[in-house]
């Protein structure tokens, strides 16, 4: 939103006044995301490139990986999946080199999204299972649930509704356990979609009424 941009620009000014380049880099990442959401991909890419330049100047491996992920996101929104895949793969390499587990989890999910769009469900699942494994190693329950929900989506699109439903139910359990309301609503919607695909319309209607 325009309000978000105004706040981020103020934050950028403050970080620049303090010569805090890491802070500026974080702002660039947020700006890139907001511009992508608004469909201004030229500005989004420019901010991601600034984010990358700042990270490279500081030899910040984690920052470089995050910036490459931002660039991949911009390409993904434009449906330039080959370019997005290249950026995400580079981002994963940097995150792995820096042993940045959260970066690995995020980027594996991003790469899975690319393969899912391309209909390569096997590679999508491979990256999602990697994300789950890393999230389990550090006890990151939200990451486990997020990846599990994405696994469900892959199986749903592959027509494996029984497995998809099981995955969604596990993701719902974790979201409920953690009290993440915003995560619960889309999962309920996904479960309702599976019920509709299986022609279980009464169950789907009940869920639809819950998450409206």
N, C-alpha and C. Protein backbone atom coordinates (compact mmCIF):
# COMPACT_ATOMS: atom_id res chain seq x y z
N UNK A 1 0.85 -1.19 0.00
CA UNK A 1 0.00 0.00 0.00
C UNK A 1 0.88 1.24 0.00
N UNK A 2 0.26 2.37 -0.33
CA UNK A 2 1.01 3.63 -0.34
C UNK A 2 1.49 3.99 1.06
N UNK A 3 0.68 3.66 2.07
CA UNK A 3 1.07 3.95 3.45
C UNK A 3 2.31 3.14 3.84
N UNK A 4 2.35 1.89 3.42
CA UNK A 4 3.51 1.05 3.71
C UNK A 4 4.76 1.62 3.05
N UNK A 5 4.62 2.09 1.82
CA UNK A 5 5.76 2.68 1.12
C UNK A 5 6.27 3.92 1.84
N UNK A 6 5.36 4.73 2.35
CA UNK A 6 5.75 5.95 3.06
C UNK A 6 6.55 5.61 4.32
N UNK A 7 6.08 4.61 5.06
CA UNK A 7 6.79 4.21 6.28
C UNK A 7 8.16 3.62 5.95
N UNK A 8 8.22 2.84 4.91
CA UNK A 8 9.50 2.24 4.52
C UNK A 8 10.48 3.30 4.03
N UNK A 9 10.00 4.28 3.33
CA UNK A 9 10.88 5.37 2.88
C UNK A 9 11.41 6.18 4.06
N UNK A 10 10.57 6.35 5.07
CA UNK A 10 11.04 7.03 6.30
C UNK A 10 12.12 6.19 6.99
N UNK A 11 11.88 4.88 7.05
CA UNK A 11 12.86 3.98 7.66
C UNK A 11 14.17 4.01 6.89
N UNK A 12 14.08 4.05 5.56
CA UNK A 12 15.29 4.13 4.73
C UNK A 12 16.08 5.39 5.05
N UNK A 13 15.37 6.51 5.17
CA UNK A 13 16.03 7.79 5.49
C UNK A 13 16.76 7.70 6.83
N UNK A 14 16.11 7.11 7.84
CA UNK A 14 16.72 7.00 9.16
C UNK A 14 17.95 6.10 9.15
N UNK A 15 17.86 4.97 8.47
CA UNK A 15 19.01 4.06 8.39
C UNK A 15 20.17 4.70 7.64
N UNK A 16 19.85 5.42 6.57
CA UNK A 16 20.91 6.10 5.81
C UNK A 16 21.57 7.18 6.64
N UNK A 17 20.79 7.88 7.46
CA UNK A 17 21.34 8.93 8.32
C UNK A 17 22.28 8.35 9.36
N UNK A 18 22.02 7.10 9.75
CA UNK A 18 22.87 6.42 10.74
C UNK A 18 23.96 5.58 10.09
N UNK A 19 24.04 5.65 8.77
CA UNK A 19 25.02 4.86 8.00
C UNK A 19 24.89 3.37 8.31
N UNK A 20 23.64 2.93 8.51
CA UNK A 20 23.35 1.53 8.81
C UNK A 20 22.95 0.84 7.50
N UNK A 21 23.95 0.28 6.82
CA UNK A 21 23.68 -0.33 5.53
C UNK A 21 22.85 -1.61 5.62
N UNK A 22 23.02 -2.36 6.69
CA UNK A 22 22.20 -3.56 6.85
C UNK A 22 20.73 -3.18 6.99
N UNK A 23 20.49 -2.10 7.73
CA UNK A 23 19.12 -1.62 7.87
C UNK A 23 18.54 -1.18 6.53
N UNK A 24 19.35 -0.49 5.75
CA UNK A 24 18.90 -0.06 4.42
C UNK A 24 18.58 -1.28 3.56
N UNK A 25 19.43 -2.31 3.65
CA UNK A 25 19.20 -3.53 2.89
C UNK A 25 17.88 -4.19 3.25
N UNK A 26 17.56 -4.21 4.55
CA UNK A 26 16.29 -4.80 4.98
C UNK A 26 15.10 -4.00 4.43
N UNK A 27 15.27 -2.68 4.40
CA UNK A 27 14.21 -1.84 3.85
C UNK A 27 14.03 -2.12 2.36
N UNK A 28 15.15 -2.28 1.65
CA UNK A 28 15.07 -2.59 0.21
C UNK A 28 14.29 -3.88 -0.03
N UNK A 29 14.52 -4.86 0.85
CA UNK A 29 13.81 -6.13 0.72
C UNK A 29 12.31 -5.93 0.88
N UNK A 30 11.92 -5.15 1.89
CA UNK A 30 10.50 -4.89 2.13
C UNK A 30 9.90 -4.07 0.98
N UNK A 31 10.65 -3.09 0.49
CA UNK A 31 10.16 -2.27 -0.63
C UNK A 31 9.95 -3.13 -1.87
N UNK A 32 10.88 -4.04 -2.11
CA UNK A 32 10.74 -4.92 -3.27
C UNK A 32 9.47 -5.73 -3.18
N UNK A 33 9.18 -6.22 -1.99
CA UNK A 33 7.96 -7.01 -1.79
C UNK A 33 6.71 -6.18 -2.04
N UNK A 34 6.68 -4.96 -1.47
CA UNK A 34 5.50 -4.11 -1.61
C UNK A 34 5.27 -3.74 -3.08
N UNK A 35 6.35 -3.36 -3.76
CA UNK A 35 6.21 -3.01 -5.18
C UNK A 35 5.75 -4.21 -6.01
N UNK A 36 6.22 -5.41 -5.65
CA UNK A 36 5.76 -6.61 -6.36
C UNK A 36 4.27 -6.82 -6.17
N UNK A 37 3.81 -6.60 -4.93
CA UNK A 37 2.39 -6.74 -4.64
C UNK A 37 1.55 -5.74 -5.44
N UNK A 38 2.14 -4.58 -5.70
CA UNK A 38 1.43 -3.53 -6.44
C UNK A 38 1.56 -3.71 -7.95
N UNK A 39 2.38 -4.66 -8.37
CA UNK A 39 2.56 -4.90 -9.80
C UNK A 39 3.57 -3.98 -10.46
N UNK A 40 4.31 -3.23 -9.64
CA UNK A 40 5.35 -2.35 -10.18
C UNK A 40 6.67 -3.13 -10.17
N UNK A 41 6.85 -3.99 -11.14
CA UNK A 41 7.97 -4.92 -11.13
C UNK A 41 9.31 -4.24 -11.42
N UNK A 42 9.28 -3.14 -12.14
CA UNK A 42 10.53 -2.41 -12.40
C UNK A 42 11.11 -1.87 -11.10
N UNK A 43 10.25 -1.25 -10.29
CA UNK A 43 10.70 -0.74 -8.99
C UNK A 43 11.07 -1.89 -8.05
N UNK A 44 10.29 -2.96 -8.11
CA UNK A 44 10.56 -4.11 -7.25
C UNK A 44 11.94 -4.69 -7.54
N UNK A 45 12.26 -4.84 -8.81
CA UNK A 45 13.56 -5.41 -9.19
C UNK A 45 14.69 -4.46 -8.83
N UNK A 46 14.46 -3.17 -9.02
CA UNK A 46 15.49 -2.17 -8.70
C UNK A 46 15.84 -2.21 -7.21
N UNK A 47 14.82 -2.36 -6.37
CA UNK A 47 15.06 -2.41 -4.91
C UNK A 47 15.78 -3.70 -4.54
N UNK A 48 15.41 -4.80 -5.17
CA UNK A 48 16.08 -6.08 -4.90
C UNK A 48 17.54 -6.02 -5.33
N UNK A 49 17.82 -5.34 -6.44
CA UNK A 49 19.20 -5.20 -6.90
C UNK A 49 20.01 -4.34 -5.94
N UNK A 50 19.37 -3.29 -5.38
CA UNK A 50 20.04 -2.47 -4.36
C UNK A 50 20.33 -3.31 -3.12
N UNK A 51 19.37 -4.13 -2.75
CA UNK A 51 19.54 -5.03 -1.61
C UNK A 51 20.75 -5.94 -1.85
N UNK A 52 20.88 -6.46 -3.07
CA UNK A 52 21.99 -7.34 -3.40
C UNK A 52 23.32 -6.61 -3.35
N UNK A 53 23.36 -5.40 -3.89
CA UNK A 53 24.60 -4.61 -3.89
C UNK A 53 25.09 -4.32 -2.48
N UNK A 54 24.16 -4.00 -1.60
CA UNK A 54 24.52 -3.71 -0.21
C UNK A 54 25.09 -4.96 0.46
N UNK A 55 24.44 -6.10 0.26
CA UNK A 55 24.89 -7.35 0.86
C UNK A 55 26.26 -7.75 0.32
N UNK A 56 26.46 -7.59 -0.98
CA UNK A 56 27.74 -7.94 -1.59
C UNK A 56 28.86 -7.05 -1.06
N UNK A 57 28.58 -5.78 -0.86
CA UNK A 57 29.58 -4.84 -0.36
C UNK A 57 30.03 -5.21 1.05
N UNK A 58 29.14 -5.82 1.80
CA UNK A 58 29.44 -6.21 3.17
C UNK A 58 29.84 -7.68 3.29
N UNK A 59 29.90 -8.36 2.14
CA UNK A 59 30.20 -9.80 2.13
C UNK A 59 29.28 -10.55 3.07
N UNK A 60 28.01 -10.18 3.02
CA UNK A 60 26.97 -10.75 3.88
C UNK A 60 26.31 -11.91 3.14
N UNK A 61 26.72 -13.13 3.44
CA UNK A 61 26.21 -14.31 2.73
C UNK A 61 24.70 -14.45 2.89
N UNK A 62 24.21 -14.26 4.11
CA UNK A 62 22.78 -14.38 4.35
C UNK A 62 22.03 -13.30 3.58
N UNK A 63 22.58 -12.09 3.59
CA UNK A 63 21.94 -10.98 2.87
C UNK A 63 21.94 -11.20 1.37
N UNK A 64 23.02 -11.77 0.85
CA UNK A 64 23.08 -12.06 -0.60
C UNK A 64 22.01 -13.07 -0.97
N UNK A 65 21.88 -14.11 -0.16
CA UNK A 65 20.85 -15.11 -0.42
C UNK A 65 19.45 -14.51 -0.38
N UNK A 66 19.21 -13.65 0.61
CA UNK A 66 17.89 -13.01 0.73
C UNK A 66 17.60 -12.12 -0.48
N UNK A 67 18.63 -11.39 -0.94
CA UNK A 67 18.45 -10.50 -2.09
C UNK A 67 18.14 -11.29 -3.36
N UNK A 68 18.86 -12.39 -3.55
CA UNK A 68 18.59 -13.24 -4.71
C UNK A 68 17.17 -13.83 -4.63
N UNK A 69 16.74 -14.11 -3.41
CA UNK A 69 15.37 -14.58 -3.22
C UNK A 69 14.36 -13.50 -3.60
N UNK A 70 14.67 -12.25 -3.26
CA UNK A 70 13.79 -11.13 -3.64
C UNK A 70 13.70 -11.00 -5.15
N UNK A 71 14.84 -11.16 -5.82
CA UNK A 71 14.85 -11.07 -7.29
C UNK A 71 14.06 -12.23 -7.90
N UNK A 72 14.18 -13.41 -7.29
CA UNK A 72 13.40 -14.55 -7.75
C UNK A 72 11.91 -14.31 -7.60
N UNK A 73 11.53 -13.67 -6.49
CA UNK A 73 10.12 -13.36 -6.25
C UNK A 73 9.56 -12.44 -7.33
N UNK A 74 10.36 -11.42 -7.70
CA UNK A 74 9.91 -10.48 -8.74
C UNK A 74 9.68 -11.23 -10.05
N UNK A 75 10.60 -12.13 -10.39
CA UNK A 75 10.46 -12.91 -11.62
C UNK A 75 9.24 -13.85 -11.53
N UNK A 76 9.03 -14.41 -10.35
CA UNK A 76 7.89 -15.33 -10.15
C UNK A 76 6.58 -14.61 -10.40
N UNK A 77 6.44 -13.39 -9.84
CA UNK A 77 5.21 -12.63 -10.02
C UNK A 77 4.97 -12.30 -11.50
N UNK A 78 6.05 -12.20 -12.27
CA UNK A 78 5.91 -11.91 -13.69
C UNK A 78 5.78 -13.19 -14.53
N UNK A 79 5.73 -14.34 -13.84
CA UNK A 79 5.63 -15.65 -14.48
C UNK A 79 6.84 -15.96 -15.36
N UNK A 80 7.98 -15.33 -15.04
CA UNK A 80 9.25 -15.65 -15.72
C UNK A 80 9.92 -16.75 -14.91
N UNK A 81 9.36 -17.96 -15.01
CA UNK A 81 9.72 -19.02 -14.08
C UNK A 81 11.15 -19.51 -14.23
N UNK A 82 11.69 -19.50 -15.44
CA UNK A 82 13.07 -19.94 -15.63
C UNK A 82 14.05 -19.01 -14.90
N UNK A 83 13.81 -17.70 -15.02
CA UNK A 83 14.67 -16.73 -14.33
C UNK A 83 14.48 -16.83 -12.82
N UNK A 84 13.24 -16.98 -12.41
CA UNK A 84 12.96 -17.11 -10.98
C UNK A 84 13.67 -18.33 -10.40
N UNK A 85 13.62 -19.43 -11.14
CA UNK A 85 14.27 -20.66 -10.69
C UNK A 85 15.77 -20.45 -10.52
N UNK A 86 16.39 -19.75 -11.46
CA UNK A 86 17.83 -19.50 -11.39
C UNK A 86 18.17 -18.69 -10.14
N UNK A 87 17.41 -17.64 -9.88
CA UNK A 87 17.66 -16.81 -8.70
C UNK A 87 17.45 -17.61 -7.42
N UNK A 88 16.37 -18.37 -7.37
CA UNK A 88 16.08 -19.15 -6.17
C UNK A 88 17.16 -20.21 -5.91
N UNK A 89 17.64 -20.84 -6.97
CA UNK A 89 18.69 -21.85 -6.79
C UNK A 89 19.97 -21.20 -6.25
N UNK A 90 20.29 -20.01 -6.75
CA UNK A 90 21.46 -19.29 -6.24
C UNK A 90 21.23 -18.90 -4.78
N UNK A 91 20.01 -18.46 -4.47
CA UNK A 91 19.67 -18.10 -3.09
C UNK A 91 19.83 -19.29 -2.16
N UNK A 92 19.40 -20.47 -2.62
CA UNK A 92 19.52 -21.68 -1.80
C UNK A 92 20.98 -22.04 -1.57
N UNK A 93 21.80 -21.85 -2.59
CA UNK A 93 23.24 -22.14 -2.44
C UNK A 93 23.87 -21.25 -1.39
N UNK A 94 23.54 -19.96 -1.43
CA UNK A 94 24.09 -19.03 -0.44
C UNK A 94 23.59 -19.34 0.97
N UNK A 95 22.30 -19.64 1.08
CA UNK A 95 21.73 -19.96 2.40
C UNK A 95 22.36 -21.24 2.96
N UNK A 96 22.60 -22.21 2.10
CA UNK A 96 23.22 -23.46 2.52
C UNK A 96 24.66 -23.22 2.95
N UNK A 97 25.39 -22.41 2.18
CA UNK A 97 26.79 -22.09 2.50
C UNK A 97 26.89 -21.39 3.86
N UNK A 98 25.92 -20.52 4.13
CA UNK A 98 25.93 -19.77 5.39
C UNK A 98 25.25 -20.54 6.52
N UNK A 99 24.74 -21.75 6.21
CA UNK A 99 23.99 -22.56 7.17
C UNK A 99 22.84 -21.74 7.78
N UNK A 100 22.20 -20.96 6.94
CA UNK A 100 21.06 -20.14 7.35
C UNK A 100 19.79 -20.97 7.18
N UNK A 101 19.37 -21.62 8.24
CA UNK A 101 18.30 -22.61 8.13
C UNK A 101 16.97 -21.98 7.70
N UNK A 102 16.67 -20.80 8.26
CA UNK A 102 15.42 -20.15 7.87
C UNK A 102 15.44 -19.81 6.38
N UNK A 103 16.59 -19.37 5.89
CA UNK A 103 16.72 -19.07 4.47
C UNK A 103 16.52 -20.31 3.62
N UNK A 104 17.05 -21.44 4.09
CA UNK A 104 16.89 -22.70 3.36
C UNK A 104 15.42 -23.08 3.29
N UNK A 105 14.72 -22.95 4.42
CA UNK A 105 13.30 -23.31 4.47
C UNK A 105 12.48 -22.45 3.50
N UNK A 106 12.71 -21.14 3.54
CA UNK A 106 11.96 -20.22 2.68
C UNK A 106 12.24 -20.50 1.22
N UNK A 107 13.52 -20.67 0.88
CA UNK A 107 13.89 -20.83 -0.53
C UNK A 107 13.44 -22.18 -1.07
N UNK A 108 13.48 -23.21 -0.25
CA UNK A 108 12.97 -24.53 -0.70
C UNK A 108 11.48 -24.43 -1.03
N UNK A 109 10.74 -23.70 -0.22
CA UNK A 109 9.32 -23.51 -0.51
C UNK A 109 9.13 -22.71 -1.79
N UNK A 110 9.98 -21.70 -1.99
CA UNK A 110 9.89 -20.90 -3.21
C UNK A 110 10.19 -21.74 -4.45
N UNK A 111 11.24 -22.54 -4.38
CA UNK A 111 11.58 -23.41 -5.50
C UNK A 111 10.48 -24.43 -5.77
N UNK A 112 9.89 -24.93 -4.72
CA UNK A 112 8.78 -25.87 -4.89
C UNK A 112 7.64 -25.22 -5.66
N UNK A 113 7.42 -23.93 -5.40
CA UNK A 113 6.37 -23.21 -6.12
C UNK A 113 6.65 -23.14 -7.61
N UNK A 114 7.92 -22.99 -7.97
CA UNK A 114 8.32 -22.96 -9.38
C UNK A 114 8.02 -24.30 -10.03
N UNK A 115 8.48 -25.38 -9.40
CA UNK A 115 8.29 -26.71 -9.96
C UNK A 115 6.81 -27.09 -10.02
N UNK A 116 6.04 -26.64 -9.02
CA UNK A 116 4.60 -26.89 -9.02
C UNK A 116 3.95 -26.21 -10.22
N UNK A 117 4.33 -24.96 -10.48
CA UNK A 117 3.80 -24.24 -11.64
C UNK A 117 4.15 -24.94 -12.95
N UNK A 118 5.31 -25.57 -12.98
CA UNK A 118 5.77 -26.24 -14.19
C UNK A 118 5.24 -27.68 -14.30
N UNK A 119 4.49 -28.11 -13.28
CA UNK A 119 3.93 -29.46 -13.30
C UNK A 119 4.90 -30.54 -12.90
N UNK A 120 6.07 -30.14 -12.35
CA UNK A 120 7.07 -31.11 -11.91
C UNK A 120 6.83 -31.38 -10.42
N UNK A 121 5.84 -32.20 -10.13
CA UNK A 121 5.43 -32.42 -8.74
C UNK A 121 6.50 -33.14 -7.92
N UNK A 122 7.24 -34.02 -8.58
CA UNK A 122 8.28 -34.76 -7.84
C UNK A 122 9.33 -33.82 -7.28
N UNK A 123 9.83 -32.91 -8.10
CA UNK A 123 10.86 -31.97 -7.62
C UNK A 123 10.27 -30.98 -6.62
N UNK A 124 9.01 -30.62 -6.82
CA UNK A 124 8.36 -29.73 -5.85
C UNK A 124 8.32 -30.39 -4.48
N UNK A 125 7.92 -31.66 -4.43
CA UNK A 125 7.84 -32.37 -3.16
C UNK A 125 9.22 -32.58 -2.54
N UNK A 126 10.21 -32.83 -3.38
CA UNK A 126 11.58 -33.01 -2.87
C UNK A 126 12.03 -31.78 -2.09
N UNK A 127 11.77 -30.60 -2.61
CA UNK A 127 12.18 -29.37 -1.93
C UNK A 127 11.32 -29.10 -0.69
N UNK A 128 10.05 -29.44 -0.77
CA UNK A 128 9.18 -29.23 0.40
C UNK A 128 9.57 -30.17 1.54
N UNK A 129 9.93 -31.40 1.21
CA UNK A 129 10.37 -32.33 2.25
C UNK A 129 11.70 -31.88 2.86
N UNK A 130 12.56 -31.27 2.03
CA UNK A 130 13.81 -30.73 2.56
C UNK A 130 13.52 -29.59 3.53
N UNK A 131 12.56 -28.73 3.16
CA UNK A 131 12.19 -27.62 4.03
C UNK A 131 11.65 -28.15 5.36
N UNK A 132 10.82 -29.19 5.30
CA UNK A 132 10.27 -29.77 6.52
C UNK A 132 11.36 -30.37 7.40
N UNK A 133 12.31 -31.02 6.77
CA UNK A 133 13.40 -31.64 7.53
C UNK A 133 14.22 -30.59 8.28
N UNK A 134 14.55 -29.52 7.59
CA UNK A 134 15.34 -28.46 8.23
C UNK A 134 14.52 -27.79 9.33
N UNK A 135 13.24 -27.55 9.06
CA UNK A 135 12.37 -26.93 10.07
C UNK A 135 12.26 -27.81 11.31
N UNK A 136 12.21 -29.12 11.09
CA UNK A 136 12.14 -30.06 12.23
C UNK A 136 13.42 -30.03 13.05
N UNK A 137 14.56 -29.88 12.37
CA UNK A 137 15.85 -29.86 13.06
C UNK A 137 15.95 -28.71 14.05
N UNK A 138 15.32 -27.58 13.72
CA UNK A 138 15.41 -26.40 14.59
C UNK A 138 14.12 -26.16 15.37
N UNK A 139 13.17 -27.10 15.27
CA UNK A 139 11.93 -26.97 16.02
C UNK A 139 11.04 -25.83 15.56
N UNK A 140 11.11 -25.52 14.27
CA UNK A 140 10.35 -24.41 13.71
C UNK A 140 9.00 -24.92 13.26
N UNK A 141 8.04 -24.94 14.19
CA UNK A 141 6.74 -25.55 13.93
C UNK A 141 5.97 -24.82 12.83
N UNK A 142 6.06 -23.50 12.82
CA UNK A 142 5.35 -22.75 11.78
C UNK A 142 5.87 -23.13 10.39
N UNK A 143 7.19 -23.31 10.29
CA UNK A 143 7.77 -23.71 9.01
C UNK A 143 7.33 -25.10 8.59
N UNK A 144 7.21 -26.00 9.57
CA UNK A 144 6.73 -27.35 9.27
C UNK A 144 5.31 -27.30 8.74
N UNK A 145 4.46 -26.53 9.42
CA UNK A 145 3.07 -26.42 9.01
C UNK A 145 2.90 -25.77 7.65
N UNK A 146 3.68 -24.72 7.40
CA UNK A 146 3.61 -24.03 6.11
C UNK A 146 4.00 -24.96 4.97
N UNK A 147 5.10 -25.68 5.17
CA UNK A 147 5.55 -26.62 4.14
C UNK A 147 4.57 -27.76 3.95
N UNK A 148 3.98 -28.23 5.06
CA UNK A 148 3.00 -29.31 4.97
C UNK A 148 1.78 -28.88 4.17
N UNK A 149 1.35 -27.64 4.36
CA UNK A 149 0.22 -27.12 3.58
C UNK A 149 0.55 -27.08 2.10
N UNK A 150 1.79 -26.70 1.78
CA UNK A 150 2.23 -26.68 0.39
C UNK A 150 2.32 -28.10 -0.19
N UNK A 151 2.75 -29.05 0.63
CA UNK A 151 2.76 -30.46 0.19
C UNK A 151 1.34 -30.89 -0.17
N UNK A 152 0.39 -30.49 0.66
CA UNK A 152 -1.01 -30.80 0.39
C UNK A 152 -1.47 -30.23 -0.94
N UNK A 153 -1.04 -28.99 -1.23
CA UNK A 153 -1.43 -28.36 -2.49
C UNK A 153 -0.89 -29.12 -3.69
N UNK A 154 0.35 -29.59 -3.58
CA UNK A 154 0.94 -30.36 -4.68
C UNK A 154 0.16 -31.64 -4.92
N UNK A 155 -0.14 -32.36 -3.83
CA UNK A 155 -0.89 -33.61 -3.97
C UNK A 155 -2.31 -33.35 -4.49
N UNK A 156 -2.89 -32.23 -4.07
CA UNK A 156 -4.23 -31.90 -4.56
C UNK A 156 -4.22 -31.71 -6.08
N UNK A 157 -3.26 -30.96 -6.57
CA UNK A 157 -3.18 -30.71 -8.01
C UNK A 157 -2.80 -31.98 -8.78
N UNK A 158 -2.14 -32.90 -8.10
CA UNK A 158 -1.80 -34.17 -8.73
C UNK A 158 -2.96 -35.16 -8.68
N UNK A 159 -4.05 -34.75 -8.04
CA UNK A 159 -5.22 -35.61 -7.95
C UNK A 159 -5.17 -36.63 -6.84
N UNK A 160 -4.19 -36.51 -5.92
CA UNK A 160 -4.07 -37.42 -4.78
C UNK A 160 -4.80 -36.80 -3.59
N UNK A 161 -6.13 -36.82 -3.65
CA UNK A 161 -6.93 -36.08 -2.67
C UNK A 161 -6.82 -36.65 -1.26
N UNK A 162 -6.65 -37.97 -1.15
CA UNK A 162 -6.54 -38.57 0.18
C UNK A 162 -5.29 -38.07 0.90
N UNK A 163 -4.17 -38.05 0.17
CA UNK A 163 -2.91 -37.57 0.77
C UNK A 163 -2.99 -36.08 1.03
N UNK A 164 -3.58 -35.34 0.08
CA UNK A 164 -3.71 -33.89 0.23
C UNK A 164 -4.50 -33.56 1.49
N UNK A 165 -5.60 -34.27 1.71
CA UNK A 165 -6.43 -34.01 2.88
C UNK A 165 -5.67 -34.27 4.17
N UNK A 166 -4.89 -35.36 4.19
CA UNK A 166 -4.10 -35.68 5.37
C UNK A 166 -3.08 -34.58 5.66
N UNK A 167 -2.44 -34.06 4.61
CA UNK A 167 -1.45 -32.99 4.77
C UNK A 167 -2.10 -31.72 5.29
N UNK A 168 -3.25 -31.37 4.72
CA UNK A 168 -3.95 -30.17 5.16
C UNK A 168 -4.38 -30.29 6.62
N UNK A 169 -4.82 -31.48 7.01
CA UNK A 169 -5.25 -31.68 8.39
C UNK A 169 -4.08 -31.53 9.35
N UNK A 170 -2.90 -32.04 8.96
CA UNK A 170 -1.71 -31.87 9.80
C UNK A 170 -1.31 -30.39 9.89
N UNK A 171 -1.39 -29.68 8.76
CA UNK A 171 -1.07 -28.25 8.75
C UNK A 171 -2.06 -27.48 9.62
N UNK A 172 -3.33 -27.87 9.55
CA UNK A 172 -4.37 -27.22 10.36
C UNK A 172 -4.12 -27.45 11.85
N UNK A 173 -3.72 -28.66 12.21
CA UNK A 173 -3.43 -28.97 13.61
C UNK A 173 -2.31 -28.07 14.14
N UNK A 174 -1.26 -27.92 13.34
CA UNK A 174 -0.12 -27.10 13.77
C UNK A 174 -0.53 -25.64 13.88
N UNK A 175 -1.27 -25.13 12.89
CA UNK A 175 -1.71 -23.74 12.91
C UNK A 175 -2.60 -23.46 14.12
N UNK A 176 -3.48 -24.41 14.42
CA UNK A 176 -4.38 -24.26 15.57
C UNK A 176 -3.59 -24.32 16.87
N UNK A 177 -2.65 -25.25 16.94
CA UNK A 177 -1.81 -25.41 18.12
C UNK A 177 -1.03 -24.14 18.42
N UNK A 178 -0.53 -23.50 17.35
CA UNK A 178 0.27 -22.29 17.51
C UNK A 178 -0.58 -21.02 17.61
N UNK A 179 -1.87 -21.15 17.33
CA UNK A 179 -2.76 -20.00 17.41
C UNK A 179 -2.60 -19.02 16.26
N UNK A 180 -2.20 -19.53 15.08
CA UNK A 180 -2.01 -18.67 13.92
C UNK A 180 -3.31 -18.59 13.11
N UNK A 181 -4.20 -17.69 13.54
CA UNK A 181 -5.49 -17.52 12.89
C UNK A 181 -5.42 -17.28 11.39
N UNK A 182 -4.54 -16.36 10.92
CA UNK A 182 -4.47 -16.10 9.48
C UNK A 182 -4.08 -17.33 8.66
N UNK A 183 -3.36 -18.27 9.27
CA UNK A 183 -2.98 -19.50 8.56
C UNK A 183 -4.13 -20.51 8.52
N UNK A 184 -5.01 -20.44 9.50
CA UNK A 184 -6.08 -21.42 9.61
C UNK A 184 -7.11 -21.25 8.49
N UNK A 185 -7.45 -20.01 8.19
CA UNK A 185 -8.51 -19.75 7.20
C UNK A 185 -8.20 -20.33 5.82
N UNK A 186 -7.01 -20.06 5.24
CA UNK A 186 -6.74 -20.64 3.92
C UNK A 186 -6.65 -22.17 3.93
N UNK A 187 -6.20 -22.74 5.05
CA UNK A 187 -6.13 -24.21 5.13
C UNK A 187 -7.54 -24.80 5.10
N UNK A 188 -8.46 -24.17 5.83
CA UNK A 188 -9.85 -24.63 5.80
C UNK A 188 -10.41 -24.53 4.38
N UNK A 189 -10.04 -23.47 3.67
CA UNK A 189 -10.47 -23.32 2.29
C UNK A 189 -9.92 -24.43 1.41
N UNK A 190 -8.66 -24.81 1.65
CA UNK A 190 -8.05 -25.90 0.87
C UNK A 190 -8.76 -27.23 1.13
N UNK A 191 -9.08 -27.47 2.40
CA UNK A 191 -9.78 -28.71 2.73
C UNK A 191 -11.14 -28.74 2.06
N UNK A 192 -11.82 -27.59 2.06
CA UNK A 192 -13.13 -27.50 1.39
C UNK A 192 -12.99 -27.80 -0.10
N UNK A 193 -11.92 -27.31 -0.71
CA UNK A 193 -11.68 -27.58 -2.14
C UNK A 193 -11.51 -29.07 -2.41
N UNK A 194 -10.81 -29.75 -1.50
CA UNK A 194 -10.62 -31.20 -1.66
C UNK A 194 -11.97 -31.92 -1.56
N UNK A 195 -12.79 -31.50 -0.59
CA UNK A 195 -14.11 -32.12 -0.45
C UNK A 195 -14.94 -31.92 -1.72
N UNK A 196 -14.85 -30.73 -2.31
CA UNK A 196 -15.61 -30.48 -3.55
C UNK A 196 -15.10 -31.37 -4.67
N UNK A 197 -13.77 -31.52 -4.74
CA UNK A 197 -13.20 -32.37 -5.80
C UNK A 197 -13.65 -33.81 -5.64
N UNK A 198 -13.90 -34.22 -4.41
CA UNK A 198 -14.36 -35.59 -4.15
C UNK A 198 -15.89 -35.68 -4.12
N UNK A 199 -16.53 -34.54 -4.47
CA UNK A 199 -18.00 -34.45 -4.53
C UNK A 199 -18.65 -34.64 -3.16
N UNK A 200 -17.93 -34.25 -2.12
CA UNK A 200 -18.48 -34.28 -0.76
C UNK A 200 -18.97 -32.86 -0.45
N UNK A 201 -20.04 -32.49 -1.10
CA UNK A 201 -20.46 -31.08 -1.10
C UNK A 201 -20.96 -30.59 0.25
N UNK A 202 -21.60 -31.46 1.03
CA UNK A 202 -22.11 -31.02 2.33
C UNK A 202 -20.97 -30.67 3.27
N UNK A 203 -19.91 -31.50 3.27
CA UNK A 203 -18.74 -31.20 4.12
C UNK A 203 -18.06 -29.92 3.66
N UNK A 204 -17.97 -29.75 2.34
CA UNK A 204 -17.33 -28.55 1.80
C UNK A 204 -18.13 -27.31 2.20
N UNK A 205 -19.45 -27.40 2.15
CA UNK A 205 -20.31 -26.25 2.49
C UNK A 205 -20.12 -25.86 3.95
N UNK A 206 -20.03 -26.86 4.82
CA UNK A 206 -19.85 -26.58 6.25
C UNK A 206 -18.54 -25.81 6.49
N UNK A 207 -17.47 -26.26 5.84
CA UNK A 207 -16.17 -25.58 5.99
C UNK A 207 -16.21 -24.19 5.39
N UNK A 208 -16.89 -24.05 4.27
CA UNK A 208 -16.98 -22.75 3.62
C UNK A 208 -17.67 -21.74 4.53
N UNK A 209 -18.68 -22.20 5.25
CA UNK A 209 -19.39 -21.31 6.17
C UNK A 209 -18.49 -20.91 7.34
N UNK A 210 -17.59 -21.83 7.73
CA UNK A 210 -16.69 -21.54 8.86
C UNK A 210 -15.67 -20.49 8.48
N UNK A 211 -15.07 -20.60 7.26
CA UNK A 211 -13.94 -19.72 6.95
C UNK A 211 -14.33 -18.47 6.17
N UNK A 212 -15.63 -18.29 5.90
CA UNK A 212 -16.06 -17.04 5.24
C UNK A 212 -15.89 -15.88 6.20
